[in-house]
Protein backbone atom coordinates (compact mmCIF):
# COMPACT_ATOMS: atom_id res chain seq x y z
CA MET A 1 84.89 123.46 68.91
CA LYS A 2 84.95 120.35 70.68
CA GLU A 3 87.64 121.52 73.25
CA GLN A 4 85.34 124.65 74.10
CA GLN A 5 82.30 122.06 74.44
CA ILE A 6 84.46 119.70 76.82
CA LYS A 7 85.55 122.87 78.89
CA GLU A 8 82.23 124.21 79.38
CA GLU A 9 81.10 120.21 80.66
CA LEU A 10 83.96 120.03 82.80
CA THR A 11 83.71 123.46 84.52
CA LYS A 12 80.66 122.14 86.03
CA THR A 13 82.33 119.32 88.30
CA VAL A 14 84.27 121.90 90.14
CA SER A 15 81.99 123.60 92.36
CA GLY A 16 81.63 122.09 95.94
CA SER A 17 82.55 119.29 97.80
CA HIS A 18 81.20 115.68 98.98
CA TYR A 19 80.51 114.55 102.16
CA ASN A 20 83.75 112.37 102.38
CA GLY A 21 85.97 115.58 101.63
CA TRP A 22 86.55 115.04 97.85
CA ASN A 23 86.85 117.77 95.46
CA ASN A 24 87.94 118.68 92.01
CA ARG A 25 90.88 121.29 92.60
CA THR A 26 91.58 122.35 89.42
CA THR A 27 90.05 124.61 86.67
CA PHE A 28 88.88 122.03 84.77
CA GLY A 29 88.59 119.16 87.66
CA TYR A 30 90.55 115.82 87.56
CA HIS A 31 91.22 114.62 84.23
CA SER A 32 93.19 116.06 81.38
CA TYR A 33 92.05 115.75 77.59
CA ASN A 34 94.53 115.35 74.96
CA ILE A 35 92.43 113.76 72.34
CA GLU A 36 92.63 114.73 68.44
CA ASP A 37 92.97 118.52 68.80
CA VAL A 38 91.75 119.05 72.26
CA ASN A 39 94.11 119.99 74.89
CA ILE A 40 93.00 120.69 78.62
CA VAL A 41 95.16 120.86 81.50
CA GLY A 42 93.16 119.03 84.64
CA GLN A 43 94.79 117.19 87.94
CA ARG A 44 95.95 113.89 85.97
CA ASN A 45 96.65 113.14 82.70
CA PRO A 46 95.12 109.99 81.47
CA LYS A 47 97.15 109.82 78.31
CA MET A 48 100.63 110.48 79.97
CA ARG A 49 99.48 107.50 82.48
CA LEU A 50 98.29 105.09 80.09
CA GLU A 51 101.53 105.46 77.67
CA THR A 52 103.13 103.58 80.53
CA ILE A 53 99.96 101.22 81.33
CA ARG A 54 100.07 100.14 77.52
CA ASN A 55 103.23 98.65 78.02
CA SER A 56 101.63 95.94 80.47
CA VAL A 57 98.33 95.66 79.32
CA ASP A 58 96.67 95.09 75.85
CA PHE A 59 93.53 97.11 75.68
CA GLU A 60 92.57 96.39 71.86
CA GLY A 61 89.11 95.22 71.95
CA LYS A 62 88.85 94.78 75.29
CA ASN A 63 85.53 95.47 77.45
CA VAL A 64 87.05 97.77 80.37
CA ILE A 65 85.25 99.18 83.25
CA ASP A 66 86.45 102.22 85.52
CA PHE A 67 85.44 102.04 89.26
CA GLY A 68 85.79 105.59 89.95
CA CYS A 69 85.91 106.97 87.14
CA ASN A 70 85.40 110.82 87.97
CA VAL A 71 84.90 112.48 84.41
CA GLY A 72 85.74 109.06 82.31
CA SER A 73 88.99 110.48 80.73
CA MET A 74 90.67 107.23 81.18
CA LEU A 75 88.09 105.50 78.71
CA HIS A 76 87.69 108.24 76.46
CA HIS A 77 91.66 108.11 75.48
CA LEU A 78 91.23 104.25 75.32
CA HIS A 79 90.11 104.38 71.49
CA GLU A 80 90.80 101.05 71.03
CA ILE A 81 88.30 99.29 73.35
CA LYS A 82 85.27 97.52 72.59
CA ASN A 83 83.10 98.72 75.17
CA GLY A 84 83.91 101.02 78.66
CA ALA A 85 82.20 101.39 81.50
CA GLY A 86 82.66 104.17 83.97
CA PHE A 87 81.08 104.02 87.51
CA ASP A 88 81.36 107.13 89.94
CA TYR A 89 79.42 108.56 92.87
CA ASP A 90 79.34 112.20 91.73
CA THR A 91 76.71 113.08 89.64
CA LYS A 92 77.86 115.91 87.81
CA CYS A 93 81.05 114.41 86.93
CA ILE A 94 78.86 111.05 85.47
CA ASN A 95 76.70 113.80 83.61
CA ALA A 96 79.82 115.34 81.93
CA ALA A 97 81.25 111.90 80.98
CA ASN A 98 78.34 110.94 78.86
CA ASN A 99 78.08 114.65 77.31
CA ILE A 100 81.84 114.12 76.67
CA SER A 101 81.11 111.01 74.94
CA LYS A 102 78.67 112.61 72.78
CA ILE A 103 81.13 115.31 71.79
CA LEU A 104 83.69 112.72 70.94
CA GLY A 105 81.11 110.29 69.48
CA ARG A 106 81.90 107.64 71.74
CA ASP A 107 78.59 105.27 71.86
CA ASN A 108 80.68 102.40 72.91
CA LEU A 109 80.90 104.08 76.08
CA THR A 110 78.74 104.62 79.25
CA TYR A 111 78.64 106.01 82.57
CA LYS A 112 76.64 105.72 85.64
CA VAL A 113 76.11 106.64 89.13
CA HIS A 114 76.97 104.41 92.04
CA ASP A 115 77.92 105.47 95.34
CA PHE A 116 80.31 102.46 96.64
CA ASP A 117 79.72 103.46 100.39
CA LYS A 118 75.90 103.82 100.40
CA GLU A 119 74.52 101.57 97.94
CA SER A 120 74.71 97.73 97.43
CA TYR A 121 77.49 96.06 95.93
CA ASP A 122 74.46 93.67 94.41
CA SER A 123 72.79 96.91 92.81
CA LEU A 124 76.43 97.53 91.14
CA LYS A 125 76.56 94.43 89.60
CA SER A 126 73.23 94.92 88.08
CA LYS A 127 74.19 98.12 86.29
CA ILE A 128 77.19 96.41 84.75
CA THR A 129 76.04 95.21 81.19
CA PHE A 130 78.97 93.13 80.07
CA THR A 131 81.77 91.03 81.12
CA PRO A 132 84.79 93.05 81.93
CA ASP A 133 88.33 92.03 80.65
CA ILE A 134 89.99 94.67 82.51
CA ILE A 135 89.14 97.05 85.57
CA PHE A 136 90.84 100.31 86.65
CA VAL A 137 90.33 101.16 90.28
CA LEU A 138 92.62 103.97 90.71
CA SER A 139 93.33 105.59 93.82
CA LEU A 140 89.60 104.66 95.46
CA GLY A 141 90.64 102.67 98.20
CA SER A 142 91.36 105.92 100.06
CA TRP A 143 88.29 106.93 99.38
CA VAL A 144 86.06 103.86 99.72
CA LYS A 145 85.46 102.54 103.12
CA THR A 146 84.17 99.16 101.72
CA TRP A 147 87.00 98.85 99.98
CA GLU A 148 87.51 95.18 100.54
CA ASN A 149 83.64 94.51 99.15
CA LEU A 150 84.94 96.43 96.22
CA TYR A 151 87.49 94.61 95.43
CA SER A 152 86.01 91.22 96.29
CA THR A 153 83.54 92.34 93.53
CA CYS A 154 86.72 93.11 90.72
CA LEU A 155 87.98 89.53 91.76
CA SER A 156 84.71 88.28 90.90
CA TYR A 157 84.66 88.91 87.19
CA GLU A 158 87.97 86.68 87.20
CA CYS A 159 89.81 89.55 84.70
CA ASP A 160 93.15 91.94 85.19
CA ILE A 161 92.66 94.36 87.57
CA ILE A 162 94.81 97.98 87.34
CA LEU A 163 95.00 99.07 90.67
CA GLU A 164 96.16 102.60 92.02
CA ILE A 165 97.17 102.79 95.49
CA ASN A 166 97.76 106.36 97.01
CA ASN A 167 100.67 105.96 98.93
CA VAL A 168 102.78 102.92 100.37
CA GLN A 169 101.72 103.21 103.66
CA GLU A 170 98.30 103.46 102.92
CA GLY A 171 98.07 101.03 100.06
CA ALA A 172 99.78 98.22 102.00
CA SER A 173 96.45 96.39 103.10
CA GLN A 174 95.15 96.82 99.75
CA ILE A 175 98.02 95.23 98.13
CA ASP A 176 98.16 92.40 100.73
CA PHE A 177 94.40 91.68 100.01
CA PHE A 178 94.97 90.66 96.73
CA LYS A 179 98.18 88.70 97.47
CA LYS A 180 96.48 86.98 100.12
CA ARG A 181 93.72 85.84 97.45
CA GLY A 182 96.64 84.14 95.23
CA MET A 183 96.80 86.71 92.76
CA THR A 184 99.78 88.02 91.13
CA VAL A 185 100.79 91.82 92.06
CA ALA A 186 103.30 93.75 89.45
CA MET A 187 104.07 97.08 90.01
CA ILE A 188 103.86 98.92 86.46
CA MET A 189 104.02 102.15 87.45
CA ASP A 190 106.07 103.56 90.36
CA ASN A 191 104.97 107.31 90.49
CA SER A 192 102.19 109.87 89.84
CA LYS A 193 104.41 112.27 87.48
CA ASP A 194 101.11 112.93 85.62
CA ASP A 195 99.62 115.00 88.63
CA SER A 196 100.20 118.30 88.17
CA THR A 197 99.42 119.28 91.84
CA GLY A 198 103.17 117.59 92.33
CA ASN A 199 101.76 114.43 94.37
CA ASN A 200 103.97 111.55 92.36
CA ARG A 201 103.85 109.17 95.31
CA ARG A 202 101.06 106.69 93.72
CA LYS A 203 102.16 103.52 92.25
CA THR A 204 100.47 101.28 89.99
CA TYR A 205 100.04 97.64 89.73
CA LEU A 206 98.23 94.88 87.49
CA ILE A 207 97.01 92.03 89.43
CA ASN A 208 95.64 88.58 87.69
CA LYS A 209 95.84 85.33 88.27
CA LYS A 210 99.19 83.23 88.91
């Protein structure tokens, strides 16, 4: 029952593309779901990613933000967190994320629309209702022109940042951004083998104060 309901929500996110060229390419969109007896294959597998990330990050009882959350599956798979908030510019994805939260009974998660290139960062911060302990910024620097402002906003919370870059060449300036600000940058995943399309070049880093 839950699986079919979630599938119906996910299929609403795969039609059309956006002004920057982004589109959800697979039948059920960007995120897979492997929760309880729900097993839905998308492009990326949050369960697989989190199994590795948990080796370096303790999510128990934490407040977590996901900037560029798509349909919110990273937070949906984090059953142990206190609160979660996701932000994305795709209204279809945000509607699906909130509906899937209801299907899963996750009333500690909220998802809101925000276009990082078209809306101010003051307005973004006004939408955040708790102080985060951890922030996800996963492969967002490739799509957001104002990524430096986004990353500065992340740093303002003085919490752990989990950053994924699309590839070493494109991500070098993003890594340097944090290093120049005195942050510790430690690689915690050297590939993205969870991607069903075969793109395994992404790398994930844990960023925090020295």
